[in-house]
Structure formats: structure tokens, C-alpha cells
Amino acid sequence: QVQLVESGGGLVQPGGSLRLSCAASGSIFR
């Protein structure tokens, strides 16, 4: 089963930075 799993969210102050990631399982990514 193909899935997308996000991570990296959270609470940040204005002006700050975050990096979100999304990992795909299965063979569809490319």
C-alpha cells in the first residue's frame, strides 16, 4: 500500500523556520 507520511511540523515564533518532510512508500514517488 502506498502511503505519504509527513513530519516536521510544530510551534515556531514569527520569523522562524521549519522544515517539513514527506516520505513516500511504494513505487510512485519518481
mmCIF file of all heavy atoms, coordinates in Angstrom:
data_MODEL
# 
_entry.id   MODEL 
# 
loop_
_atom_site.group_PDB 
_atom_site.id 
_atom_site.type_symbol 
_atom_site.label_atom_id 
_atom_site.label_alt_id 
_atom_site.label_comp_id 
_atom_site.label_asym_id 
_atom_site.label_entity_id 
_atom_site.label_seq_id 
_atom_site.pdbx_PDB_ins_code 
_atom_site.Cartn_x 
_atom_site.Cartn_y 
_atom_site.Cartn_z 
_atom_site.occupancy 
_atom_site.B_iso_or_equiv 
_atom_site.pdbx_formal_charge 
_atom_site.auth_seq_id 
_atom_site.auth_comp_id 
_atom_site.auth_asym_id 
_atom_site.auth_atom_id 
_atom_site.pdbx_PDB_model_num 
ATOM 1   N N   . GLN A 1 1  ? 0.846  -1.191 0.000   1.00 0.00 ? 1  GLN A N   1 
ATOM 2   C CA  . GLN A 1 1  ? 0.000  0.000  0.000   1.00 0.00 ? 1  GLN A CA  1 
ATOM 3   C C   . GLN A 1 1  ? 0.882  1.242  0.000   1.00 0.00 ? 1  GLN A C   1 
ATOM 4   O O   . GLN A 1 1  ? 1.811  1.330  0.783   1.00 0.00 ? 1  GLN A O   1 
ATOM 5   C CB  . GLN A 1 1  ? -0.895 -0.002 1.234   1.00 0.00 ? 1  GLN A CB  1 
ATOM 6   C CG  . GLN A 1 1  ? -1.867 1.163  1.274   1.00 0.00 ? 1  GLN A CG  1 
ATOM 7   C CD  . GLN A 1 1  ? -2.790 1.097  2.480   1.00 0.00 ? 1  GLN A CD  1 
ATOM 8   O OE1 . GLN A 1 1  ? -2.687 0.189  3.292   1.00 0.00 ? 1  GLN A OE1 1 
ATOM 9   N NE2 . GLN A 1 1  ? -3.675 2.054  2.599   1.00 0.00 ? 1  GLN A NE2 1 
ATOM 10  N N   . VAL A 1 2  ? 0.567  2.180  -0.883  1.00 0.00 ? 2  VAL A N   1 
ATOM 11  C CA  . VAL A 1 2  ? 1.367  3.385  -0.985  1.00 0.00 ? 2  VAL A CA  1 
ATOM 12  C C   . VAL A 1 2  ? 0.874  4.398  0.030   1.00 0.00 ? 2  VAL A C   1 
ATOM 13  O O   . VAL A 1 2  ? -0.330 4.613  0.175   1.00 0.00 ? 2  VAL A O   1 
ATOM 14  C CB  . VAL A 1 2  ? 1.276  3.985  -2.400  1.00 0.00 ? 2  VAL A CB  1 
ATOM 15  C CG1 . VAL A 1 2  ? 2.131  5.236  -2.494  1.00 0.00 ? 2  VAL A CG1 1 
ATOM 16  C CG2 . VAL A 1 2  ? 1.684  2.957  -3.442  1.00 0.00 ? 2  VAL A CG2 1 
ATOM 17  N N   . GLN A 1 3  ? 1.822  4.998  0.738   1.00 0.00 ? 3  GLN A N   1 
ATOM 18  C CA  . GLN A 1 3  ? 1.463  5.983  1.744   1.00 0.00 ? 3  GLN A CA  1 
ATOM 19  C C   . GLN A 1 3  ? 2.402  7.176  1.682   1.00 0.00 ? 3  GLN A C   1 
ATOM 20  O O   . GLN A 1 3  ? 3.538  7.064  1.226   1.00 0.00 ? 3  GLN A O   1 
ATOM 21  C CB  . GLN A 1 3  ? 1.554  5.368  3.152   1.00 0.00 ? 3  GLN A CB  1 
ATOM 22  C CG  . GLN A 1 3  ? 0.499  4.323  3.451   1.00 0.00 ? 3  GLN A CG  1 
ATOM 23  C CD  . GLN A 1 3  ? 0.600  3.822  4.877   1.00 0.00 ? 3  GLN A CD  1 
ATOM 24  O OE1 . GLN A 1 3  ? 1.696  3.649  5.402   1.00 0.00 ? 3  GLN A OE1 1 
ATOM 25  N NE2 . GLN A 1 3  ? -0.524 3.589  5.504   1.00 0.00 ? 3  GLN A NE2 1 
ATOM 26  N N   . LEU A 1 4  ? 1.886  8.306  2.169   1.00 0.00 ? 4  LEU A N   1 
ATOM 27  C CA  . LEU A 1 4  ? 2.689  9.501  2.353   1.00 0.00 ? 4  LEU A CA  1 
ATOM 28  C C   . LEU A 1 4  ? 2.662  9.843  3.836   1.00 0.00 ? 4  LEU A C   1 
ATOM 29  O O   . LEU A 1 4  ? 1.583  9.929  4.423   1.00 0.00 ? 4  LEU A O   1 
ATOM 30  C CB  . LEU A 1 4  ? 2.130  10.676 1.553   1.00 0.00 ? 4  LEU A CB  1 
ATOM 31  C CG  . LEU A 1 4  ? 1.999  10.486 0.047   1.00 0.00 ? 4  LEU A CG  1 
ATOM 32  C CD1 . LEU A 1 4  ? 1.358  11.717 -0.582  1.00 0.00 ? 4  LEU A CD1 1 
ATOM 33  C CD2 . LEU A 1 4  ? 3.341  10.195 -0.597  1.00 0.00 ? 4  LEU A CD2 1 
ATOM 34  N N   . VAL A 1 5  ? 3.836  10.051 4.419   1.00 0.00 ? 5  VAL A N   1 
ATOM 35  C CA  . VAL A 1 5  ? 3.917  10.335 5.845   1.00 0.00 ? 5  VAL A CA  1 
ATOM 36  C C   . VAL A 1 5  ? 4.689  11.629 6.046   1.00 0.00 ? 5  VAL A C   1 
ATOM 37  O O   . VAL A 1 5  ? 5.880  11.705 5.713   1.00 0.00 ? 5  VAL A O   1 
ATOM 38  C CB  . VAL A 1 5  ? 4.595  9.186  6.605   1.00 0.00 ? 5  VAL A CB  1 
ATOM 39  C CG1 . VAL A 1 5  ? 4.688  9.519  8.097   1.00 0.00 ? 5  VAL A CG1 1 
ATOM 40  C CG2 . VAL A 1 5  ? 3.830  7.881  6.386   1.00 0.00 ? 5  VAL A CG2 1 
ATOM 41  N N   . GLU A 1 6  ? 3.988  12.633 6.579   1.00 0.00 ? 6  GLU A N   1 
ATOM 42  C CA  . GLU A 1 6  ? 4.620  13.932 6.830   1.00 0.00 ? 6  GLU A CA  1 
ATOM 43  C C   . GLU A 1 6  ? 5.220  13.981 8.230   1.00 0.00 ? 6  GLU A C   1 
ATOM 44  O O   . GLU A 1 6  ? 4.763  13.300 9.142   1.00 0.00 ? 6  GLU A O   1 
ATOM 45  C CB  . GLU A 1 6  ? 3.608  15.083 6.705   1.00 0.00 ? 6  GLU A CB  1 
ATOM 46  C CG  . GLU A 1 6  ? 2.936  15.196 5.360   1.00 0.00 ? 6  GLU A CG  1 
ATOM 47  C CD  . GLU A 1 6  ? 1.504  14.776 5.396   1.00 0.00 ? 6  GLU A CD  1 
ATOM 48  O OE1 . GLU A 1 6  ? 1.175  13.915 6.241   1.00 0.00 ? 6  GLU A OE1 1 
ATOM 49  O OE2 . GLU A 1 6  ? 0.700  15.283 4.591   1.00 0.00 ? 6  GLU A OE2 1 
ATOM 50  N N   . SER A 1 7  ? 6.202  14.845 8.371   1.00 0.00 ? 7  SER A N   1 
ATOM 51  C CA  . SER A 1 7  ? 6.783  15.127 9.683   1.00 0.00 ? 7  SER A CA  1 
ATOM 52  C C   . SER A 1 7  ? 7.410  16.506 9.645   1.00 0.00 ? 7  SER A C   1 
ATOM 53  O O   . SER A 1 7  ? 7.602  17.088 8.571   1.00 0.00 ? 7  SER A O   1 
ATOM 54  C CB  . SER A 1 7  ? 7.830  14.075 10.055  1.00 0.00 ? 7  SER A CB  1 
ATOM 55  O OG  . SER A 1 7  ? 8.882  14.072 9.109   1.00 0.00 ? 7  SER A OG  1 
ATOM 56  N N   . GLY A 1 8  ? 7.710  17.034 10.840  1.00 0.00 ? 8  GLY A N   1 
ATOM 57  C CA  . GLY A 1 8  ? 8.430  18.297 10.912  1.00 0.00 ? 8  GLY A CA  1 
ATOM 58  C C   . GLY A 1 8  ? 7.612  19.492 11.329  1.00 0.00 ? 8  GLY A C   1 
ATOM 59  O O   . GLY A 1 8  ? 8.156  20.588 11.486  1.00 0.00 ? 8  GLY A O   1 
ATOM 60  N N   . GLY A 1 9  ? 6.313  19.326 11.510  1.00 0.00 ? 9  GLY A N   1 
ATOM 61  C CA  . GLY A 1 9  ? 5.507  20.449 11.952  1.00 0.00 ? 9  GLY A CA  1 
ATOM 62  C C   . GLY A 1 9  ? 5.756  20.783 13.417  1.00 0.00 ? 9  GLY A C   1 
ATOM 63  O O   . GLY A 1 9  ? 6.489  20.089 14.114  1.00 0.00 ? 9  GLY A O   1 
ATOM 64  N N   . GLY A 1 10 ? 5.140  21.863 13.859  1.00 0.00 ? 10 GLY A N   1 
ATOM 65  C CA  . GLY A 1 10 ? 5.292  22.252 15.255  1.00 0.00 ? 10 GLY A CA  1 
ATOM 66  C C   . GLY A 1 10 ? 4.981  23.714 15.460  1.00 0.00 ? 10 GLY A C   1 
ATOM 67  O O   . GLY A 1 10 ? 4.409  24.377 14.589  1.00 0.00 ? 10 GLY A O   1 
ATOM 68  N N   . LEU A 1 11 ? 5.379  24.197 16.633  1.00 0.00 ? 11 LEU A N   1 
ATOM 69  C CA  . LEU A 1 11 ? 5.166  25.595 17.008  1.00 0.00 ? 11 LEU A CA  1 
ATOM 70  C C   . LEU A 1 11 ? 6.460  26.369 16.802  1.00 0.00 ? 11 LEU A C   1 
ATOM 71  O O   . LEU A 1 11 ? 7.526  25.939 17.256  1.00 0.00 ? 11 LEU A O   1 
ATOM 72  C CB  . LEU A 1 11 ? 4.737  25.675 18.470  1.00 0.00 ? 11 LEU A CB  1 
ATOM 73  C CG  . LEU A 1 11 ? 4.633  27.075 19.090  1.00 0.00 ? 11 LEU A CG  1 
ATOM 74  C CD1 . LEU A 1 11 ? 3.527  27.872 18.405  1.00 0.00 ? 11 LEU A CD1 1 
ATOM 75  C CD2 . LEU A 1 11 ? 4.382  26.966 20.593  1.00 0.00 ? 11 LEU A CD2 1 
ATOM 76  N N   . VAL A 1 12 ? 6.358  27.498 16.139  1.00 0.00 ? 12 VAL A N   1 
ATOM 77  C CA  . VAL A 1 12 ? 7.534  28.322 15.877  1.00 0.00 ? 12 VAL A CA  1 
ATOM 78  C C   . VAL A 1 12 ? 7.135  29.784 16.012  1.00 0.00 ? 12 VAL A C   1 
ATOM 79  O O   . VAL A 1 12 ? 5.989  30.154 15.742  1.00 0.00 ? 12 VAL A O   1 
ATOM 80  C CB  . VAL A 1 12 ? 8.099  28.015 14.479  1.00 0.00 ? 12 VAL A CB  1 
ATOM 81  C CG1 . VAL A 1 12 ? 7.113  28.371 13.384  1.00 0.00 ? 12 VAL A CG1 1 
ATOM 82  C CG2 . VAL A 1 12 ? 9.429  28.706 14.254  1.00 0.00 ? 12 VAL A CG2 1 
ATOM 83  N N   . GLN A 1 13 ? 8.079  30.597 16.422  1.00 0.00 ? 13 GLN A N   1 
ATOM 84  C CA  . GLN A 1 13 ? 7.815  32.029 16.558  1.00 0.00 ? 13 GLN A CA  1 
ATOM 85  C C   . GLN A 1 13 ? 7.835  32.715 15.198  1.00 0.00 ? 13 GLN A C   1 
ATOM 86  O O   . GLN A 1 13 ? 8.497  32.237 14.262  1.00 0.00 ? 13 GLN A O   1 
ATOM 87  C CB  . GLN A 1 13 ? 8.853  32.664 17.475  1.00 0.00 ? 13 GLN A CB  1 
ATOM 88  C CG  . GLN A 1 13 ? 8.741  32.229 18.923  1.00 0.00 ? 13 GLN A CG  1 
ATOM 89  C CD  . GLN A 1 13 ? 9.653  33.021 19.831  1.00 0.00 ? 13 GLN A CD  1 
ATOM 90  O OE1 . GLN A 1 13 ? 10.590 33.687 19.369  1.00 0.00 ? 13 GLN A OE1 1 
ATOM 91  N NE2 . GLN A 1 13 ? 9.393  32.976 21.132  1.00 0.00 ? 13 GLN A NE2 1 
ATOM 92  N N   . PRO A 1 14 ? 7.141  33.822 15.070  1.00 0.00 ? 14 PRO A N   1 
ATOM 93  C CA  . PRO A 1 14 ? 7.203  34.588 13.813  1.00 0.00 ? 14 PRO A CA  1 
ATOM 94  C C   . PRO A 1 14 ? 8.647  34.913 13.450  1.00 0.00 ? 14 PRO A C   1 
ATOM 95  O O   . PRO A 1 14 ? 9.451  35.275 14.312  1.00 0.00 ? 14 PRO A O   1 
ATOM 96  C CB  . PRO A 1 14 ? 6.411  35.851 14.142  1.00 0.00 ? 14 PRO A CB  1 
ATOM 97  C CG  . PRO A 1 14 ? 5.448  35.422 15.197  1.00 0.00 ? 14 PRO A CG  1 
ATOM 98  C CD  . PRO A 1 14 ? 6.201  34.417 16.036  1.00 0.00 ? 14 PRO A CD  1 
ATOM 99  N N   . GLY A 1 15 ? 8.954  34.750 12.174  1.00 0.00 ? 15 GLY A N   1 
ATOM 100 C CA  . GLY A 1 15 ? 10.313 34.959 11.698  1.00 0.00 ? 15 GLY A CA  1 
ATOM 101 C C   . GLY A 1 15 ? 11.176 33.718 11.748  1.00 0.00 ? 15 GLY A C   1 
ATOM 102 O O   . GLY A 1 15 ? 12.293 33.719 11.199  1.00 0.00 ? 15 GLY A O   1 
ATOM 103 N N   . GLY A 1 16 ? 10.690 32.673 12.379  1.00 0.00 ? 16 GLY A N   1 
ATOM 104 C CA  . GLY A 1 16 ? 11.456 31.436 12.498  1.00 0.00 ? 16 GLY A CA  1 
ATOM 105 C C   . GLY A 1 16 ? 11.347 30.559 11.269  1.00 0.00 ? 16 GLY A C   1 
ATOM 106 O O   . GLY A 1 16 ? 10.757 30.942 10.251  1.00 0.00 ? 16 GLY A O   1 
ATOM 107 N N   . SER A 1 17 ? 11.926 29.355 11.378  1.00 0.00 ? 17 SER A N   1 
ATOM 108 C CA  . SER A 1 17 ? 11.973 28.424 10.254  1.00 0.00 ? 17 SER A CA  1 
ATOM 109 C C   . SER A 1 17 ? 11.538 27.030 10.701  1.00 0.00 ? 17 SER A C   1 
ATOM 110 O O   . SER A 1 17 ? 11.688 26.659 11.875  1.00 0.00 ? 17 SER A O   1 
ATOM 111 C CB  . SER A 1 17 ? 13.400 28.329 9.698   1.00 0.00 ? 17 SER A CB  1 
ATOM 112 O OG  . SER A 1 17 ? 13.837 29.570 9.193   1.00 0.00 ? 17 SER A OG  1 
ATOM 113 N N   . LEU A 1 18 ? 11.020 26.292 9.752   1.00 0.00 ? 18 LEU A N   1 
ATOM 114 C CA  . LEU A 1 18 ? 10.702 24.877 9.939   1.00 0.00 ? 18 LEU A CA  1 
ATOM 115 C C   . LEU A 1 18 ? 10.979 24.163 8.621   1.00 0.00 ? 18 LEU A C   1 
ATOM 116 O O   . LEU A 1 18 ? 10.887 24.771 7.547   1.00 0.00 ? 18 LEU A O   1 
ATOM 117 C CB  . LEU A 1 18 ? 9.231  24.657 10.297  1.00 0.00 ? 18 LEU A CB  1 
ATOM 118 C CG  . LEU A 1 18 ? 8.760  24.868 11.736  1.00 0.00 ? 18 LEU A CG  1 
ATOM 119 C CD1 . LEU A 1 18 ? 7.243  24.687 11.816  1.00 0.00 ? 18 LEU A CD1 1 
ATOM 120 C CD2 . LEU A 1 18 ? 9.456  23.913 12.696  1.00 0.00 ? 18 LEU A CD2 1 
ATOM 121 N N   . ARG A 1 19 ? 11.288 22.884 8.717   1.00 0.00 ? 19 ARG A N   1 
ATOM 122 C CA  . ARG A 1 19 ? 11.398 22.069 7.516   1.00 0.00 ? 19 ARG A CA  1 
ATOM 123 C C   . ARG A 1 19 ? 10.452 20.890 7.637   1.00 0.00 ? 19 ARG A C   1 
ATOM 124 O O   . ARG A 1 19 ? 10.571 20.086 8.567   1.00 0.00 ? 19 ARG A O   1 
ATOM 125 C CB  . ARG A 1 19 ? 12.830 21.574 7.279   1.00 0.00 ? 19 ARG A CB  1 
ATOM 126 C CG  . ARG A 1 19 ? 12.965 20.898 5.911   1.00 0.00 ? 19 ARG A CG  1 
ATOM 127 C CD  . ARG A 1 19 ? 14.380 20.485 5.595   1.00 0.00 ? 19 ARG A CD  1 
ATOM 128 N NE  . ARG A 1 19 ? 14.734 19.210 6.209   1.00 0.00 ? 19 ARG A NE  1 
ATOM 129 C CZ  . ARG A 1 19 ? 15.662 18.387 5.727   1.00 0.00 ? 19 ARG A CZ  1 
ATOM 130 N NH1 . ARG A 1 19 ? 16.332 18.716 4.624   1.00 0.00 ? 19 ARG A NH1 1 
ATOM 131 N NH2 . ARG A 1 19 ? 15.941 17.276 6.358   1.00 0.00 ? 19 ARG A NH2 1 
ATOM 132 N N   . LEU A 1 20 ? 9.550  20.779 6.695   1.00 0.00 ? 20 LEU A N   1 
ATOM 133 C CA  . LEU A 1 20 ? 8.648  19.646 6.626   1.00 0.00 ? 20 LEU A CA  1 
ATOM 134 C C   . LEU A 1 20 ? 9.220  18.576 5.710   1.00 0.00 ? 20 LEU A C   1 
ATOM 135 O O   . LEU A 1 20 ? 9.876  18.888 4.714   1.00 0.00 ? 20 LEU A O   1 
ATOM 136 C CB  . LEU A 1 20 ? 7.278  20.089 6.096   1.00 0.00 ? 20 LEU A CB  1 
ATOM 137 C CG  . LEU A 1 20 ? 6.582  21.233 6.825   1.00 0.00 ? 20 LEU A CG  1 
ATOM 138 C CD1 . LEU A 1 20 ? 5.213  21.487 6.203   1.00 0.00 ? 20 LEU A CD1 1 
ATOM 139 C CD2 . LEU A 1 20 ? 6.454  20.948 8.307   1.00 0.00 ? 20 LEU A CD2 1 
ATOM 140 N N   . SER A 1 21 ? 8.948  17.330 6.062   1.00 0.00 ? 21 SER A N   1 
ATOM 141 C CA  . SER A 1 21 ? 9.373  16.198 5.241   1.00 0.00 ? 21 SER A CA  1 
ATOM 142 C C   . SER A 1 21 ? 8.164  15.332 4.929   1.00 0.00 ? 21 SER A C   1 
ATOM 143 O O   . SER A 1 21 ? 7.229  15.239 5.730   1.00 0.00 ? 21 SER A O   1 
ATOM 144 C CB  . SER A 1 21 ? 10.414 15.355 5.981   1.00 0.00 ? 21 SER A CB  1 
ATOM 145 O OG  . SER A 1 21 ? 11.564 16.111 6.283   1.00 0.00 ? 21 SER A OG  1 
ATOM 146 N N   . CYS A 1 22 ? 8.204  14.710 3.774   1.00 0.00 ? 22 CYS A N   1 
ATOM 147 C CA  . CYS A 1 22 ? 7.147  13.775 3.376   1.00 0.00 ? 22 CYS A CA  1 
ATOM 148 C C   . CYS A 1 22 ? 7.801  12.580 2.720   1.00 0.00 ? 22 CYS A C   1 
ATOM 149 O O   . CYS A 1 22 ? 8.398  12.698 1.648   1.00 0.00 ? 22 CYS A O   1 
ATOM 150 C CB  . CYS A 1 22 ? 6.172  14.442 2.423   1.00 0.00 ? 22 CYS A CB  1 
ATOM 151 S SG  . CYS A 1 22 ? 4.951  13.327 1.693   1.00 0.00 ? 22 CYS A SG  1 
ATOM 152 N N   . ALA A 1 23 ? 7.694  11.451 3.374   1.00 0.00 ? 23 ALA A N   1 
ATOM 153 C CA  . ALA A 1 23 ? 8.288  10.218 2.867   1.00 0.00 ? 23 ALA A CA  1 
ATOM 154 C C   . ALA A 1 23 ? 7.205  9.385  2.200   1.00 0.00 ? 23 ALA A C   1 
ATOM 155 O O   . ALA A 1 23 ? 6.118  9.189  2.761   1.00 0.00 ? 23 ALA A O   1 
ATOM 156 C CB  . ALA A 1 23 ? 8.931  9.438  4.009   1.00 0.00 ? 23 ALA A CB  1 
ATOM 157 N N   . ALA A 1 24 ? 7.523  8.897  1.009   1.00 0.00 ? 24 ALA A N   1 
ATOM 158 C CA  . ALA A 1 24 ? 6.573  8.090  0.251   1.00 0.00 ? 24 ALA A CA  1 
ATOM 159 C C   . ALA A 1 24 ? 6.993  6.633  0.274   1.00 0.00 ? 24 ALA A C   1 
ATOM 160 O O   . ALA A 1 24 ? 8.166  6.320  0.035   1.00 0.00 ? 24 ALA A O   1 
ATOM 161 C CB  . ALA A 1 24 ? 6.491  8.582  -1.188  1.00 0.00 ? 24 ALA A CB  1 
ATOM 162 N N   . SER A 1 25 ? 6.095  5.781  0.574   1.00 0.00 ? 25 SER A N   1 
ATOM 163 C CA  . SER A 1 25 ? 6.345  4.343  0.467   1.00 0.00 ? 25 SER A CA  1 
ATOM 164 C C   . SER A 1 25 ? 5.807  3.870  -0.873  1.00 0.00 ? 25 SER A C   1 
ATOM 165 O O   . SER A 1 25 ? 4.990  4.529  -1.507  1.00 0.00 ? 25 SER A O   1 
ATOM 166 C CB  . SER A 1 25 ? 5.655  3.591  1.602   1.00 0.00 ? 25 SER A CB  1 
ATOM 167 O OG  . SER A 1 25 ? 4.249  3.736  1.507   1.00 0.00 ? 25 SER A OG  1 
ATOM 168 N N   . GLY A 1 26 ? 6.278  2.751  -1.307  1.00 0.00 ? 26 GLY A N   1 
ATOM 169 C CA  . GLY A 1 26 ? 5.815  2.268  -2.593  1.00 0.00 ? 26 GLY A CA  1 
ATOM 170 C C   . GLY A 1 26 ? 6.639  2.804  -3.741  1.00 0.00 ? 26 GLY A C   1 
ATOM 171 O O   . GLY A 1 26 ? 7.681  3.423  -3.553  1.00 0.00 ? 26 GLY A O   1 
ATOM 172 N N   . SER A 1 27 ? 6.164  2.640  -4.933  1.00 0.00 ? 27 SER A N   1 
ATOM 173 C CA  . SER A 1 27 ? 6.982  2.907  -6.120  1.00 0.00 ? 27 SER A CA  1 
ATOM 174 C C   . SER A 1 27 ? 6.525  4.109  -6.927  1.00 0.00 ? 27 SER A C   1 
ATOM 175 O O   . SER A 1 27 ? 6.960  4.285  -8.063  1.00 0.00 ? 27 SER A O   1 
ATOM 176 C CB  . SER A 1 27 ? 6.966  1.675  -7.012  1.00 0.00 ? 27 SER A CB  1 
ATOM 177 O OG  . SER A 1 27 ? 5.634  1.385  -7.411  1.00 0.00 ? 27 SER A OG  1 
ATOM 178 N N   . ILE A 1 28 ? 5.666  4.965  -6.373  1.00 0.00 ? 28 ILE A N   1 
ATOM 179 C CA  . ILE A 1 28 ? 5.093  6.029  -7.194  1.00 0.00 ? 28 ILE A CA  1 
ATOM 180 C C   . ILE A 1 28 ? 5.903  7.301  -7.180  1.00 0.00 ? 28 ILE A C   1 
ATOM 181 O O   . ILE A 1 28 ? 5.716  8.178  -8.022  1.00 0.00 ? 28 ILE A O   1 
ATOM 182 C CB  . ILE A 1 28 ? 3.666  6.383  -6.724  1.00 0.00 ? 28 ILE A CB  1 
ATOM 183 C CG1 . ILE A 1 28 ? 3.706  7.066  -5.342  1.00 0.00 ? 28 ILE A CG1 1 
ATOM 184 C CG2 . ILE A 1 28 ? 2.783  5.158  -6.725  1.00 0.00 ? 28 ILE A CG2 1 
ATOM 185 C CD1 . ILE A 1 28 ? 2.437  7.780  -5.011  1.00 0.00 ? 28 ILE A CD1 1 
ATOM 186 N N   . PHE A 1 29 ? 6.838  7.426  -6.227  1.00 0.00 ? 29 PHE A N   1 
ATOM 187 C CA  . PHE A 1 29 ? 7.448  8.726  -5.979  1.00 0.00 ? 29 PHE A CA  1 
ATOM 188 C C   . PHE A 1 29 ? 8.067  9.318  -7.236  1.00 0.00 ? 29 PHE A C   1 
ATOM 189 O O   . PHE A 1 29 ? 7.808  10.458 -7.604  1.00 0.00 ? 29 PHE A O   1 
ATOM 190 C CB  . PHE A 1 29 ? 8.497  8.606  -4.867  1.00 0.00 ? 29 PHE A CB  1 
ATOM 191 C CG  . PHE A 1 29 ? 9.091  9.924  -4.457  1.00 0.00 ? 29 PHE A CG  1 
ATOM 192 C CD1 . PHE A 1 29 ? 8.432  10.747 -3.568  1.00 0.00 ? 29 PHE A CD1 1 
ATOM 193 C CD2 . PHE A 1 29 ? 10.307 10.350 -4.985  1.00 0.00 ? 29 PHE A CD2 1 
ATOM 194 C CE1 . PHE A 1 29 ? 8.980  11.965 -3.190  1.00 0.00 ? 29 PHE A CE1 1 
ATOM 195 C CE2 . PHE A 1 29 ? 10.866 11.565 -4.616  1.00 0.00 ? 29 PHE A CE2 1 
ATOM 196 C CZ  . PHE A 1 29 ? 10.185 12.370 -3.709  1.00 0.00 ? 29 PHE A CZ  1 
ATOM 197 N N   . ARG A 1 30 ? 8.900  8.537  -7.904  1.00 0.00 ? 30 ARG A N   1 
ATOM 198 C CA  . ARG A 1 30 ? 9.669  9.102  -9.022  1.00 0.00 ? 30 ARG A CA  1 
ATOM 199 C C   . ARG A 1 30 ? 8.806  9.432  -10.224 1.00 0.00 ? 30 ARG A C   1 
ATOM 200 O O   . ARG A 1 30 ? 9.244  10.179 -11.100 1.00 0.00 ? 30 ARG A O   1 
ATOM 201 C CB  . ARG A 1 30 ? 10.796 8.145  -9.398  1.00 0.00 ? 30 ARG A CB  1 
ATOM 202 C CG  . ARG A 1 30 ? 11.760 7.942  -8.262  1.00 0.00 ? 30 ARG A CG  1 
ATOM 203 C CD  . ARG A 1 30 ? 12.958 7.107  -8.634  1.00 0.00 ? 30 ARG A CD  1 
ATOM 204 N NE  . ARG A 1 30 ? 13.717 6.760  -7.447  1.00 0.00 ? 30 ARG A NE  1 
ATOM 205 C CZ  . ARG A 1 30 ? 14.897 6.158  -7.478  1.00 0.00 ? 30 ARG A CZ  1 
ATOM 206 N NH1 . ARG A 1 30 ? 15.448 5.839  -8.628  1.00 0.00 ? 30 ARG A NH1 1 
ATOM 207 N NH2 . ARG A 1 30 ? 15.513 5.873  -6.354  1.00 0.00 ? 30 ARG A NH2 1 
# 
